[in-house]
């Protein structure tokens, strides 16, 4: 049985600098074969000189084959460790938010790599993407239920990463009852989220501060929310006093959710929807010479892997060109991204390029990042993926 893996010479630098991941091509297989490790095992990893780097969850079938559990050797994902880290994560969320609606656990940032927990008052969604966390799922659920006494817990274990880790895909209620729609409050606005059938864990808390900033510009304005999903940006703006909001999405079910949440906030007369491909809808609005005081584009990740960067950046550029055309003179373009591989500098450069191409004058008013329930590890750039740029768009000088 293998209980220690050794890294190739020099491969320890990133770990010693604070990163949490070990890649399979960094393992010295002549010392101990990675392929012989049981997926999900927690074992020690040492550098080429045999010096301790810590305890890691290991899966030989994944490119990210090692995920940090502790900088100390011989640590396991014990019940007490899991409980303490869940409690620590809960405490910081309770400090940051006045309503129990947030991402309770954000994987590596909370020392629980491969675990995500979203909270919707007394309903929880739990998503596991690593073999190590899957092996401890019963213990995790036990602690979660004791800590917050939820009415229901949904396991939303259908993410793409599970296949990489050799895990089955499934969605099931693990505890209590989970209704078809659950209510949440974000920035003072009520929403209904379809946890079982919705995207990812059912809701995206990550852009919360950026939605609040967009809403602060919205009083008396017309707003276009593109790739709206359930209207997180648009309904927040409407609730802040926007005159009219248009939500665009390719999912008819998502747009039904927009209207249901609009009714929940007594915003029915302020919100309309447009169903269709975002690029096609934007082109149609341009033909109709429609203009909006605030145009928000928050697409799904166009870049999911490094090899997609070039094609993804072209898609972001095309989207920003189309969106900027619809911004009224002196209006605001909010360009958002959830692609970790898209650098903030590149998104900024796209705004510049669109402005030059369209003969506009663009001024960046602010830039936004993910909320406190998606904390960033400074040595793990992969934990920082959300970005948004708020730019005023005027005629060229």
Protein backbone atom coordinates (compact mmCIF):
# COMPACT_ATOMS: atom_id res chain seq x y z
CA UNK A 1 0.00 0.00 0.00
CA UNK A 2 1.43 3.39 -1.05
CA UNK A 3 1.38 6.06 1.66
CA UNK A 4 3.94 8.52 0.24
CA UNK A 5 4.37 10.08 -3.20
CA UNK A 6 7.45 12.02 -4.27
CA UNK A 7 7.57 14.97 -6.67
CA UNK A 8 10.05 15.48 -9.46
CA UNK A 9 12.88 17.90 -8.79
CA UNK A 10 11.61 21.51 -8.79
CA UNK A 11 7.94 20.54 -8.86
CA UNK A 12 7.53 21.57 -5.23
CA UNK A 13 8.04 25.30 -5.88
CA UNK A 14 4.37 26.06 -6.55
CA UNK A 15 3.24 24.10 -3.47
CA UNK A 16 5.79 25.84 -1.24
CA UNK A 17 4.59 29.16 -2.65
CA UNK A 18 1.09 28.39 -1.35
CA UNK A 19 -0.71 26.54 -4.13
CA UNK A 20 -2.92 23.59 -3.24
CA UNK A 21 -2.71 21.31 -6.27
CA UNK A 22 -0.29 18.69 -7.56
CA UNK A 23 -0.44 17.60 -11.20
CA UNK A 24 0.08 14.02 -12.34
CA UNK A 25 3.10 14.92 -14.51
CA UNK A 26 4.86 16.23 -11.39
CA UNK A 27 4.95 12.82 -9.68
CA UNK A 28 8.16 10.75 -9.58
CA UNK A 29 6.71 7.37 -10.53
CA UNK A 30 10.06 5.64 -10.09
CA UNK A 31 9.75 6.23 -6.34
CA UNK A 32 6.12 5.11 -6.07
CA UNK A 33 3.71 4.59 -9.00
CA UNK A 34 0.85 7.08 -8.91
CA UNK A 35 -1.45 4.61 -10.68
CA UNK A 36 -1.33 2.26 -7.70
CA UNK A 37 -2.91 4.80 -5.33
CA UNK A 38 -6.55 4.19 -4.45
CA UNK A 39 -8.67 7.11 -5.76
CA UNK A 40 -9.69 9.39 -2.90
CA UNK A 41 -6.89 8.29 -0.57
CA UNK A 42 -5.24 10.91 1.61
CA UNK A 43 -1.48 10.38 1.61
CA UNK A 44 1.71 12.32 2.22
CA UNK A 45 3.58 14.01 -0.63
CA UNK A 46 7.24 14.95 -0.33
CA UNK A 47 9.67 16.88 -2.52
CA UNK A 48 12.56 15.32 -4.43
CA UNK A 49 14.72 15.48 -1.29
CA UNK A 50 12.08 13.72 0.78
CA UNK A 51 10.96 16.83 2.69
CA UNK A 52 7.31 17.00 3.67
CA UNK A 53 4.88 19.05 1.58
CA UNK A 54 1.73 17.93 3.35
CA UNK A 55 -1.21 15.55 3.20
CA UNK A 56 -3.14 15.44 -0.08
CA UNK A 57 -6.29 13.82 -1.44
CA UNK A 58 -5.02 11.79 -4.37
CA UNK A 59 -6.74 10.51 -7.48
CA UNK A 60 -4.40 8.91 -10.04
CA UNK A 61 -7.04 9.21 -12.77
CA UNK A 62 -7.15 13.03 -12.76
CA UNK A 63 -4.70 15.59 -14.11
CA UNK A 64 -4.99 17.39 -10.77
CA UNK A 65 -3.97 14.26 -8.94
CA UNK A 66 -3.29 15.80 -5.53
CA UNK A 67 -5.41 18.29 -3.56
CA UNK A 68 -4.15 19.74 -0.29
CA UNK A 69 -5.74 18.61 2.96
CA UNK A 70 -3.08 19.96 5.31
CA UNK A 71 0.49 21.26 5.18
CA UNK A 72 1.16 18.76 7.95
CA UNK A 73 1.96 15.12 7.25
CA UNK A 74 -0.30 12.22 8.23
CA UNK A 75 -3.53 14.24 8.34
CA UNK A 76 -6.76 12.61 7.20
CA UNK A 77 -10.19 13.94 6.26
CA UNK A 78 -11.32 13.05 9.75
CA UNK A 79 -14.74 13.85 11.15
CA UNK A 80 -13.27 16.55 13.42
CA UNK A 81 -11.33 18.19 10.57
CA UNK A 82 -14.43 18.29 8.36
CA UNK A 83 -16.57 19.65 11.17
CA UNK A 84 -14.09 22.40 12.05
CA UNK A 85 -13.71 23.55 8.47
CA UNK A 86 -17.46 23.57 7.89
CA UNK A 87 -17.88 25.64 11.07
CA UNK A 88 -15.15 28.08 10.05
CA UNK A 89 -16.70 28.55 6.62
CA UNK A 90 -20.14 29.06 8.14
CA UNK A 91 -18.84 31.65 10.63
CA UNK A 92 -17.34 33.91 7.98
CA UNK A 93 -20.53 33.77 5.88
CA UNK A 94 -22.66 34.63 8.89
CA UNK A 95 -20.34 37.57 9.54
CA UNK A 96 -20.58 38.82 5.94
CA UNK A 97 -24.28 38.33 5.18
CA UNK A 98 -27.43 39.23 7.10
CA UNK A 99 -29.55 36.55 5.40
CA UNK A 100 -28.73 32.82 5.27
CA UNK A 101 -28.47 32.86 1.47
CA UNK A 102 -24.92 32.31 0.29
CA UNK A 103 -22.27 29.83 -0.83
CA UNK A 104 -21.39 28.19 2.45
CA UNK A 105 -18.43 26.19 1.15
CA UNK A 106 -16.24 27.18 -1.80
CA UNK A 107 -13.95 24.21 -2.27
CA UNK A 108 -10.23 24.85 -1.94
CA UNK A 109 -10.73 28.31 -0.44
CA UNK A 110 -12.37 26.71 2.59
CA UNK A 111 -9.91 23.82 2.80
CA UNK A 112 -12.49 21.40 1.38
CA UNK A 113 -11.35 20.79 -2.19
CA UNK A 114 -14.11 19.39 -4.36
CA UNK A 115 -16.96 20.42 -2.05
CA UNK A 116 -19.49 23.18 -2.74
CA UNK A 117 -22.48 23.94 -0.51
CA UNK A 118 -25.04 26.61 -1.34
CA UNK A 119 -27.56 27.76 1.25
CA UNK A 120 -31.08 28.99 0.54
CA UNK A 121 -32.42 29.76 4.01
CA UNK A 122 -33.23 26.25 5.31
CA UNK A 123 -32.56 24.36 2.06
CA UNK A 124 -29.04 23.32 1.01
CA UNK A 125 -27.51 22.08 -2.21
CA UNK A 126 -24.35 20.02 -1.90
CA UNK A 127 -22.08 19.34 -4.86
CA UNK A 128 -19.09 17.00 -4.70
CA UNK A 129 -16.49 16.76 -7.47
CA UNK A 130 -13.61 14.77 -5.95
CA UNK A 131 -13.32 11.12 -4.96
CA UNK A 132 -11.91 12.10 -1.57
CA UNK A 133 -14.95 14.19 -0.66
CA UNK A 134 -17.34 11.60 -2.07
CA UNK A 135 -15.86 9.04 0.32
CA UNK A 136 -16.65 11.37 3.23
CA UNK A 137 -20.08 12.45 2.02
CA UNK A 138 -22.06 10.76 4.80
CA UNK A 139 -19.89 12.42 7.46
CA UNK A 140 -20.19 15.79 5.73
CA UNK A 141 -23.97 15.52 5.58
CA UNK A 142 -24.13 14.56 9.24
CA UNK A 143 -22.21 17.68 10.28
CA UNK A 144 -24.09 19.96 7.89
CA UNK A 145 -27.45 18.83 9.25
CA UNK A 146 -26.31 19.28 12.86
CA UNK A 147 -24.83 22.73 12.22
CA UNK A 148 -27.83 24.42 10.56
CA UNK A 149 -30.80 22.02 10.93
CA UNK A 150 -32.00 22.39 7.33
CA UNK A 151 -35.41 21.30 6.13
CA UNK A 152 -33.89 19.68 3.07
CA UNK A 153 -30.54 18.82 1.47
CA UNK A 154 -30.17 18.21 -2.26
CA UNK A 155 -27.16 16.41 -3.70
CA UNK A 156 -26.56 18.08 -7.08
CA UNK A 157 -23.81 15.72 -8.15
CA UNK A 158 -24.03 16.03 -11.93
CA UNK A 159 -21.03 18.26 -12.66
CA UNK A 160 -18.51 17.53 -15.42
CA UNK A 161 -15.61 17.08 -12.98
CA UNK A 162 -17.18 13.95 -11.49
CA UNK A 163 -16.51 11.95 -14.65
CA UNK A 164 -12.84 13.00 -14.52
CA UNK A 165 -12.67 11.68 -10.95
CA UNK A 166 -14.41 8.42 -11.91
CA UNK A 167 -17.62 9.30 -10.05
CA UNK A 168 -21.23 8.64 -11.04
CA UNK A 169 -23.57 11.47 -11.94
CA UNK A 170 -26.77 11.84 -9.94
CA UNK A 171 -29.21 14.30 -8.38
CA UNK A 172 -31.15 13.23 -5.31
CA UNK A 173 -32.59 14.48 -2.06
CA UNK A 174 -30.29 13.36 0.75
CA UNK A 175 -32.30 14.70 3.66
CA UNK A 176 -35.77 16.06 4.35
CA UNK A 177 -37.75 17.64 1.52
CA UNK A 178 -36.60 19.94 -1.27
CA UNK A 179 -39.36 21.82 -3.13
CA UNK A 180 -39.30 22.40 -6.90
CA UNK A 181 -38.62 26.09 -6.30
CA UNK A 182 -36.81 27.58 -3.33
CA UNK A 183 -36.78 31.22 -2.30
CA UNK A 184 -33.63 33.24 -1.70
CA UNK A 185 -32.84 36.88 -1.07
CA UNK A 186 -29.90 38.65 -2.67
CA UNK A 187 -29.26 42.38 -2.36
CA UNK A 188 -32.75 42.84 -0.97
CA UNK A 189 -34.44 41.18 -3.97
CA UNK A 190 -36.37 37.92 -3.75
CA UNK A 191 -35.79 35.12 -6.25
CA UNK A 192 -37.14 31.65 -6.89
CA UNK A 193 -34.52 29.08 -7.89
CA UNK A 194 -35.17 25.61 -9.37
CA UNK A 195 -32.48 23.67 -7.55
CA UNK A 196 -33.14 20.25 -9.09
CA UNK A 197 -33.47 21.35 -12.71
CA UNK A 198 -31.57 24.64 -12.73
CA UNK A 199 -28.03 25.33 -13.86
CA UNK A 200 -25.17 24.14 -11.63
CA UNK A 201 -26.40 24.35 -8.00
CA UNK A 202 -29.52 26.27 -9.06
CA UNK A 203 -28.31 29.82 -8.48
CA UNK A 204 -25.16 31.89 -8.96
CA UNK A 205 -24.26 33.87 -5.85
CA UNK A 206 -20.82 34.79 -7.20
CA UNK A 207 -21.77 38.07 -8.94
CA UNK A 208 -23.73 39.41 -5.94
CA UNK A 209 -21.60 42.56 -5.33
CA UNK A 210 -21.48 43.33 -9.05
CA UNK A 211 -25.26 43.07 -9.34
CA UNK A 212 -25.57 45.51 -6.45
CA UNK A 213 -23.20 47.95 -8.15
CA UNK A 214 -25.10 47.73 -11.44
CA UNK A 215 -28.34 48.36 -9.56
CA UNK A 216 -26.88 51.49 -7.98
CA UNK A 217 -26.77 53.04 -11.48
CA UNK A 218 -30.23 51.84 -12.48
CA UNK A 219 -32.79 54.25 -10.96
CA UNK A 220 -34.98 55.63 -13.72
CA UNK A 221 -32.97 53.82 -16.41
CA UNK A 222 -33.70 51.17 -19.03
CA UNK A 223 -31.72 47.97 -18.52
CA UNK A 224 -30.87 45.06 -20.80
CA UNK A 225 -29.80 41.85 -19.01
CA UNK A 226 -28.27 39.39 -21.52
CA UNK A 227 -27.75 35.73 -20.57
CA UNK A 228 -30.06 36.58 -17.70
CA UNK A 229 -30.83 33.06 -16.47
CA UNK A 230 -33.25 33.83 -13.59
CA UNK A 231 -32.78 37.60 -13.80
CA UNK A 232 -30.19 38.12 -11.08
CA UNK A 233 -28.90 41.35 -12.61
CA UNK A 234 -32.11 42.62 -14.18
CA UNK A 235 -34.50 42.09 -11.27
CA UNK A 236 -31.99 43.59 -8.82
CA UNK A 237 -31.89 46.67 -11.07
CA UNK A 238 -35.68 46.76 -11.33
CA UNK A 239 -36.02 46.54 -7.57
CA UNK A 240 -33.58 49.46 -7.28
CA UNK A 241 -35.82 51.67 -9.39
CA UNK A 242 -35.02 50.90 -13.03
CA UNK A 243 -37.76 52.15 -15.33
CA UNK A 244 -37.79 49.07 -17.59
CA UNK A 245 -35.79 45.84 -17.66
CA UNK A 246 -35.45 43.38 -20.54
CA UNK A 247 -34.08 39.91 -19.74
CA UNK A 248 -32.67 37.79 -22.58
CA UNK A 249 -31.98 34.05 -22.34
CA UNK A 250 -32.00 30.96 -24.53
CA UNK A 251 -33.97 29.02 -21.90
CA UNK A 252 -37.73 29.55 -21.90
CA UNK A 253 -37.91 27.92 -18.47
CA UNK A 254 -35.37 30.41 -17.10
CA UNK A 255 -37.40 33.31 -18.44
CA UNK A 256 -40.53 31.89 -16.83
CA UNK A 257 -38.51 32.00 -13.61
CA UNK A 258 -37.69 35.66 -14.27
CA UNK A 259 -41.37 36.53 -14.48
CA UNK A 260 -42.23 34.47 -11.39
CA UNK A 261 -39.56 36.29 -9.38
CA UNK A 262 -40.69 39.62 -10.82
CA UNK A 263 -44.18 38.92 -9.47
CA UNK A 264 -42.69 37.97 -6.11
CA UNK A 265 -41.20 41.49 -5.92
CA UNK A 266 -44.25 43.27 -7.42
CA UNK A 267 -42.21 44.24 -10.48
CA UNK A 268 -44.46 42.76 -13.17
CA UNK A 269 -44.92 45.99 -15.12
CA UNK A 270 -41.21 46.74 -15.20
CA UNK A 271 -39.86 43.45 -16.57
CA UNK A 272 -40.10 41.92 -20.02
CA UNK A 273 -38.32 38.90 -21.49
CA UNK A 274 -36.84 38.02 -24.88
CA UNK A 275 -36.32 34.35 -25.66
CA UNK A 276 -33.55 33.30 -28.04
CA UNK A 277 -29.86 33.04 -28.77
CA UNK A 278 -28.17 36.05 -27.21
CA UNK A 279 -26.20 37.04 -30.30
CA UNK A 280 -29.30 36.78 -32.49
CA UNK A 281 -31.42 38.82 -30.07
CA UNK A 282 -28.75 41.53 -29.84
CA UNK A 283 -28.56 41.68 -33.64
CA UNK A 284 -32.34 42.01 -33.86
CA UNK A 285 -32.36 44.81 -31.28
CA UNK A 286 -29.68 46.58 -33.32
CA UNK A 287 -31.85 46.29 -36.47
CA UNK A 288 -34.74 47.76 -34.50
CA UNK A 289 -32.44 50.59 -33.32
CA UNK A 290 -33.26 49.83 -29.70
CA UNK A 291 -31.03 51.44 -27.09
CA UNK A 292 -30.66 50.90 -23.35
CA UNK A 293 -29.17 53.05 -20.60
CA UNK A 294 -27.47 49.99 -19.08
CA UNK A 295 -26.49 46.87 -21.02
CA UNK A 296 -25.30 43.88 -18.97
CA UNK A 297 -23.70 40.83 -20.57
CA UNK A 298 -22.92 37.92 -18.23
CA UNK A 299 -22.39 34.88 -20.45
CA UNK A 300 -21.53 31.32 -19.43
CA UNK A 301 -17.83 30.53 -19.50
CA UNK A 302 -16.71 30.79 -23.11
CA UNK A 303 -13.28 29.49 -22.00
CA UNK A 304 -13.37 26.30 -19.96
CA UNK A 305 -9.88 25.00 -20.88
CA UNK A 306 -6.61 26.68 -21.77
CA UNK A 307 -6.79 25.41 -25.32
CA UNK A 308 -10.11 27.27 -25.74
CA UNK A 309 -8.61 30.68 -24.95
CA UNK A 310 -8.29 31.97 -28.52
CA UNK A 311 -11.78 30.93 -29.61
CA UNK A 312 -13.28 32.04 -26.31
CA UNK A 313 -11.70 35.48 -26.51
CA UNK A 314 -13.13 35.93 -30.01
CA UNK A 315 -16.59 35.11 -28.62
CA UNK A 316 -16.18 37.63 -25.77
CA UNK A 317 -15.01 40.27 -28.24
CA UNK A 318 -17.98 39.63 -30.52
CA UNK A 319 -20.35 39.85 -27.56
CA UNK A 320 -18.88 43.14 -26.33
CA UNK A 321 -19.08 44.63 -29.83
CA UNK A 322 -22.77 43.68 -30.08
CA UNK A 323 -23.57 44.91 -26.58
CA UNK A 324 -21.79 48.25 -26.93
CA UNK A 325 -23.83 49.07 -30.04
CA UNK A 326 -26.99 49.01 -27.90
CA UNK A 327 -25.76 51.36 -25.15
CA UNK A 328 -27.39 54.78 -25.32
CA UNK A 329 -25.10 57.83 -25.34
CA UNK A 330 -23.67 58.23 -21.86
CA UNK A 331 -25.00 54.85 -20.83
CA UNK A 332 -23.17 52.01 -19.12
CA UNK A 333 -21.90 48.70 -20.42
CA UNK A 334 -21.41 46.00 -17.78
CA UNK A 335 -19.20 43.28 -19.23
CA UNK A 336 -18.96 40.26 -16.95
CA UNK A 337 -17.16 36.94 -17.16
CA UNK A 338 -16.96 33.72 -15.17
CA UNK A 339 -14.08 32.28 -17.21
CA UNK A 340 -11.08 31.73 -14.99
CA UNK A 341 -8.85 31.63 -18.07
CA UNK A 342 -9.93 35.11 -19.21
CA UNK A 343 -7.59 37.64 -17.62
CA UNK A 344 -9.01 40.95 -16.39
CA UNK A 345 -6.52 42.77 -18.61
CA UNK A 346 -7.87 40.98 -21.67
CA UNK A 347 -11.48 41.87 -20.84
CA UNK A 348 -10.39 45.47 -20.36
CA UNK A 349 -8.64 45.35 -23.71
CA UNK A 350 -11.81 44.07 -25.36
CA UNK A 351 -13.72 47.10 -24.11
CA UNK A 352 -10.99 49.30 -25.61
CA UNK A 353 -11.08 47.41 -28.93
CA UNK A 354 -14.88 47.60 -29.17
CA UNK A 355 -14.82 51.33 -28.47
CA UNK A 356 -12.23 51.99 -31.18
CA UNK A 357 -14.04 49.80 -33.71
CA UNK A 358 -17.43 51.42 -33.04
CA UNK A 359 -16.03 54.95 -32.66
CA UNK A 360 -17.10 55.27 -29.06
CA UNK A 361 -15.47 56.87 -26.04
CA UNK A 362 -15.26 54.33 -23.20
CA UNK A 363 -14.42 55.21 -19.60
CA UNK A 364 -14.09 52.49 -16.99
CA UNK A 365 -16.00 53.53 -13.89
CA UNK A 366 -15.36 50.45 -11.79
CA UNK A 367 -14.31 46.83 -11.84
CA UNK A 368 -15.88 44.08 -9.79
CA UNK A 369 -14.98 40.63 -8.54
CA UNK A 370 -16.64 37.74 -6.72
CA UNK A 371 -18.34 38.09 -3.37
CA UNK A 372 -17.11 37.18 0.09
CA UNK A 373 -18.78 33.76 -0.07
CA UNK A 374 -16.38 32.93 -2.93
CA UNK A 375 -13.13 33.82 -1.14
CA UNK A 376 -9.91 33.94 -3.13
CA UNK A 377 -6.68 32.22 -2.15
CA UNK A 378 -3.86 34.59 -3.19
CA UNK A 379 -1.58 31.70 -4.15
CA UNK A 380 -4.29 29.82 -6.08
CA UNK A 381 -5.34 31.99 -9.05
CA UNK A 382 -7.90 29.34 -10.03
CA UNK A 383 -10.05 30.43 -7.07
CA UNK A 384 -10.44 33.89 -8.62
CA UNK A 385 -12.65 33.57 -11.69
CA UNK A 386 -15.34 36.28 -11.55
CA UNK A 387 -14.71 39.67 -13.11
CA UNK A 388 -16.81 42.55 -14.39
CA UNK A 389 -16.10 45.91 -15.96
CA UNK A 390 -18.42 48.90 -15.69
CA UNK A 391 -17.75 51.32 -18.54
CA UNK A 392 -19.54 54.51 -19.57
CA UNK A 393 -20.00 54.63 -23.33
CA UNK A 394 -20.27 57.95 -25.16
CA UNK A 395 -19.78 59.20 -28.72
CA UNK A 396 -16.16 59.40 -29.78
CA UNK A 397 -14.38 62.59 -28.68
